Amino acid sequence: MVSNNSTECVRVFLELHGLEEYVTKIVGRPSEQPHLMKPNPFPLITAAEQMHIDVTSCTLIGDSLTDIQAAHAAGATVIGYANKPHKVDQFAEAQAGVITEDMQAIADALTTA
């Protein structure tokens, strides 16, 4: 998981929602280095390196324009999760590979894959 939030913040969120077993690595906001936050591809590249995977083989599911931009900069595939109606057009303009407004559709696709 990559986030512009701190690693600790993400970890607490996952624990509160019983999701920590589904996340192997967390790459959070680099301390005192805001220039390395998304849309910089640094967190995506770092996460891929930690998993010993080529970042171009990865898919980012993101809910912000900076997520889409970071994925493109890293050479990763990107699914835009439009959790607000105005994001559909924004993500289309940013050329997200796929756009969905339904996180359950993503979960179903992953379950059947």
C-alpha atoms as a PDB file:
ATOM      1  CA  MET A   1       0.000   0.000   0.000  1.00  0.00           C
ATOM      2  CA  VAL A   2       1.289   3.451  -0.858  1.00  0.00           C
ATOM      3  CA  SER A   3      -0.027   6.592   0.753  1.00  0.00           C
ATOM      4  CA  ASN A   4       0.702  10.266   1.209  1.00  0.00           C
ATOM      5  CA  ASN A   5      -0.353   9.684   4.828  1.00  0.00           C
ATOM      6  CA  SER A   6       2.197   8.475   7.361  1.00  0.00           C
ATOM      7  CA  THR A   7       2.939   4.761   7.577  1.00  0.00           C
ATOM      8  CA  GLU A   8       1.740   4.742  11.181  1.00  0.00           C
ATOM      9  CA  CYS A   9      -1.551   6.412  10.226  1.00  0.00           C
ATOM     10  CA  VAL A  10      -2.176   3.780   7.551  1.00  0.00           C
ATOM     11  CA  ARG A  11      -1.235   0.966   9.932  1.00  0.00           C
ATOM     12  CA  VAL A  12      -3.679   2.210  12.591  1.00  0.00           C
ATOM     13  CA  PHE A  13      -6.451   2.543   9.998  1.00  0.00           C
ATOM     14  CA  LEU A  14      -5.880  -1.025   8.777  1.00  0.00           C
ATOM     15  CA  GLU A  15      -5.893  -2.349  12.338  1.00  0.00           C
ATOM     16  CA  LEU A  16      -9.072  -0.449  13.263  1.00  0.00           C
ATOM     17  CA  HIS A  17     -10.865  -1.988  10.281  1.00  0.00           C
ATOM     18  CA  GLY A  18      -9.398  -5.487  10.560  1.00  0.00           C
ATOM     19  CA  LEU A  19      -7.577  -5.184   7.249  1.00  0.00           C
ATOM     20  CA  GLU A  20      -3.939  -5.517   8.274  1.00  0.00           C
ATOM     21  CA  GLU A  21      -3.743  -9.156   7.163  1.00  0.00           C
ATOM     22  CA  TYR A  22      -4.380  -8.049   3.557  1.00  0.00           C
ATOM     23  CA  VAL A  23      -1.482  -5.597   3.358  1.00  0.00           C
ATOM     24  CA  THR A  24       2.081  -6.864   3.226  1.00  0.00           C
ATOM     25  CA  LYS A  25       3.963  -3.573   2.974  1.00  0.00           C
ATOM     26  CA  ILE A  26       3.123   0.073   3.607  1.00  0.00           C
ATOM     27  CA  VAL A  27       5.038   2.914   2.012  1.00  0.00           C
ATOM     28  CA  GLY A  28       3.856   6.102   3.638  1.00  0.00           C
ATOM     29  CA  ARG A  29       4.783   9.746   3.402  1.00  0.00           C
ATOM     30  CA  PRO A  30       8.561  10.174   3.576  1.00  0.00           C
ATOM     31  CA  SER A  31       9.464  12.123   6.718  1.00  0.00           C
ATOM     32  CA  GLU A  32      10.393  15.726   5.986  1.00  0.00           C
ATOM     33  CA  GLN A  33      10.587  15.060   2.232  1.00  0.00           C
ATOM     34  CA  PRO A  34       7.315  16.283   0.748  1.00  0.00           C
ATOM     35  CA  HIS A  35       8.858  16.350  -2.736  1.00  0.00           C
ATOM     36  CA  LEU A  36       8.816  12.515  -2.645  1.00  0.00           C
ATOM     37  CA  MET A  37       5.049  12.297  -2.100  1.00  0.00           C
ATOM     38  CA  LYS A  38       2.694  11.377  -4.946  1.00  0.00           C
ATOM     39  CA  PRO A  39       2.521  12.524  -7.757  1.00  0.00           C
ATOM     40  CA  ASN A  40       6.221  11.692  -7.497  1.00  0.00           C
ATOM     41  CA  PRO A  41       6.524   7.978  -8.412  1.00  0.00           C
ATOM     42  CA  PHE A  42       8.921   7.390  -5.483  1.00  0.00           C
ATOM     43  CA  PRO A  43       6.387   5.610  -3.213  1.00  0.00           C
ATOM     44  CA  LEU A  44       5.256   3.287  -6.001  1.00  0.00           C
ATOM     45  CA  ILE A  45       8.794   2.434  -7.036  1.00  0.00           C
ATOM     46  CA  THR A  46       9.780   1.886  -3.393  1.00  0.00           C
ATOM     47  CA  ALA A  47       6.817  -0.420  -2.767  1.00  0.00           C
ATOM     48  CA  ALA A  48       7.577  -2.446  -5.894  1.00  0.00           C
ATOM     49  CA  GLU A  49      11.240  -2.742  -4.904  1.00  0.00           C
ATOM     50  CA  GLN A  50      10.266  -3.918  -1.409  1.00  0.00           C
ATOM     51  CA  MET A  51       8.084  -6.600  -2.988  1.00  0.00           C
ATOM     52  CA  HIS A  52      10.794  -7.536  -5.526  1.00  0.00           C
ATOM     53  CA  ILE A  53       8.426  -6.708  -8.393  1.00  0.00           C
ATOM     54  CA  ASP A  54       9.003  -4.529 -11.443  1.00  0.00           C
ATOM     55  CA  VAL A  55       6.845  -1.433 -10.935  1.00  0.00           C
ATOM     56  CA  THR A  56       5.649  -1.701 -14.540  1.00  0.00           C
ATOM     57  CA  SER A  57       3.983  -5.001 -13.551  1.00  0.00           C
ATOM     58  CA  CYS A  58       2.000  -3.281 -10.799  1.00  0.00           C
ATOM     59  CA  THR A  59      -1.483  -1.787 -10.746  1.00  0.00           C
ATOM     60  CA  LEU A  60      -2.334   1.143  -8.523  1.00  0.00           C
ATOM     61  CA  ILE A  61      -5.908   1.681  -7.415  1.00  0.00           C
ATOM     62  CA  GLY A  62      -6.112   5.353  -6.610  1.00  0.00           C
ATOM     63  CA  ASP A  63      -8.772   7.853  -5.629  1.00  0.00           C
ATOM     64  CA  SER A  64      -6.886  11.052  -6.403  1.00  0.00           C
ATOM     65  CA  LEU A  65      -5.387  12.799  -9.387  1.00  0.00           C
ATOM     66  CA  THR A  66      -1.942  12.522  -7.790  1.00  0.00           C
ATOM     67  CA  ASP A  67      -2.401   8.733  -7.699  1.00  0.00           C
ATOM     68  CA  ILE A  68      -3.092   8.673 -11.437  1.00  0.00           C
ATOM     69  CA  GLN A  69      -0.102  10.933 -12.117  1.00  0.00           C
ATOM     70  CA  ALA A  70       2.257   8.869  -9.934  1.00  0.00           C
ATOM     71  CA  ALA A  71       1.223   5.616 -11.609  1.00  0.00           C
ATOM     72  CA  HIS A  72       1.837   7.093 -15.057  1.00  0.00           C
ATOM     73  CA  ALA A  73       5.217   8.467 -13.969  1.00  0.00           C
ATOM     74  CA  ALA A  74       6.200   5.041 -12.612  1.00  0.00           C
ATOM     75  CA  GLY A  75       4.973   3.187 -15.691  1.00  0.00           C
ATOM     76  CA  ALA A  76       2.372   1.274 -13.676  1.00  0.00           C
ATOM     77  CA  THR A  77      -1.193   0.487 -14.661  1.00  0.00           C
ATOM     78  CA  VAL A  78      -3.773   2.607 -12.881  1.00  0.00           C
ATOM     79  CA  ILE A  79      -7.404   2.110 -11.903  1.00  0.00           C
ATOM     80  CA  GLY A  80      -9.113   5.332 -10.934  1.00  0.00           C
ATOM     81  CA  TYR A  81     -11.560   4.885  -8.068  1.00  0.00           C
ATOM     82  CA  ALA A  82     -13.975   7.770  -8.544  1.00  0.00           C
ATOM     83  CA  ASN A  83     -15.479   7.965  -5.067  1.00  0.00           C
ATOM     84  CA  LYS A  84     -16.998  11.342  -5.948  1.00  0.00           C
ATOM     85  CA  PRO A  85     -18.906  12.096  -9.181  1.00  0.00           C
ATOM     86  CA  HIS A  86     -16.576  14.881 -10.401  1.00  0.00           C
ATOM     87  CA  LYS A  87     -13.613  12.487 -10.381  1.00  0.00           C
ATOM     88  CA  VAL A  88     -14.887  10.446 -13.340  1.00  0.00           C
ATOM     89  CA  ASP A  89     -14.153  13.242 -15.817  1.00  0.00           C
ATOM     90  CA  GLN A  90     -10.967  14.226 -13.993  1.00  0.00           C
ATOM     91  CA  PHE A  91      -9.600  10.666 -14.154  1.00  0.00           C
ATOM     92  CA  ALA A  92     -10.656  10.255 -17.774  1.00  0.00           C
ATOM     93  CA  GLU A  93      -8.796  13.431 -18.682  1.00  0.00           C
ATOM     94  CA  ALA A  94      -5.746  12.134 -16.782  1.00  0.00           C
ATOM     95  CA  GLN A  95      -6.025   8.898 -18.804  1.00  0.00           C
ATOM     96  CA  ALA A  96      -6.573   6.384 -16.024  1.00  0.00           C
ATOM     97  CA  GLY A  97      -6.529   2.905 -17.563  1.00  0.00           C
ATOM     98  CA  VAL A  98      -9.908   2.081 -16.042  1.00  0.00           C
ATOM     99  CA  ILE A  99     -12.309   4.125 -13.937  1.00  0.00           C
ATOM    100  CA  THR A 100     -14.802   2.710 -11.498  1.00  0.00           C
ATOM    101  CA  GLU A 101     -17.196   4.227  -9.017  1.00  0.00           C
ATOM    102  CA  ASP A 102     -17.684   0.896  -7.252  1.00  0.00           C
ATOM    103  CA  MET A 103     -14.960  -0.530  -5.019  1.00  0.00           C
ATOM    104  CA  GLN A 104     -16.981  -3.765  -4.796  1.00  0.00           C
ATOM    105  CA  ALA A 105     -16.420  -4.266  -8.537  1.00  0.00           C
ATOM    106  CA  ILE A 106     -12.674  -4.172  -7.899  1.00  0.00           C
ATOM    107  CA  ALA A 107     -12.976  -6.608  -4.975  1.00  0.00           C
ATOM    108  CA  ASP A 108     -15.065  -8.978  -7.108  1.00  0.00           C
ATOM    109  CA  ALA A 109     -12.555  -8.825  -9.964  1.00  0.00           C
ATOM    110  CA  LEU A 110      -9.677  -9.598  -7.594  1.00  0.00           C
ATOM    111  CA  THR A 111     -11.593 -12.449  -5.986  1.00  0.00           C
ATOM    112  CA  THR A 112     -12.301 -14.127  -9.316  1.00  0.00           C
ATOM    113  CA  ALA A 113      -8.815 -13.519 -10.766  1.00  0.00           C
END
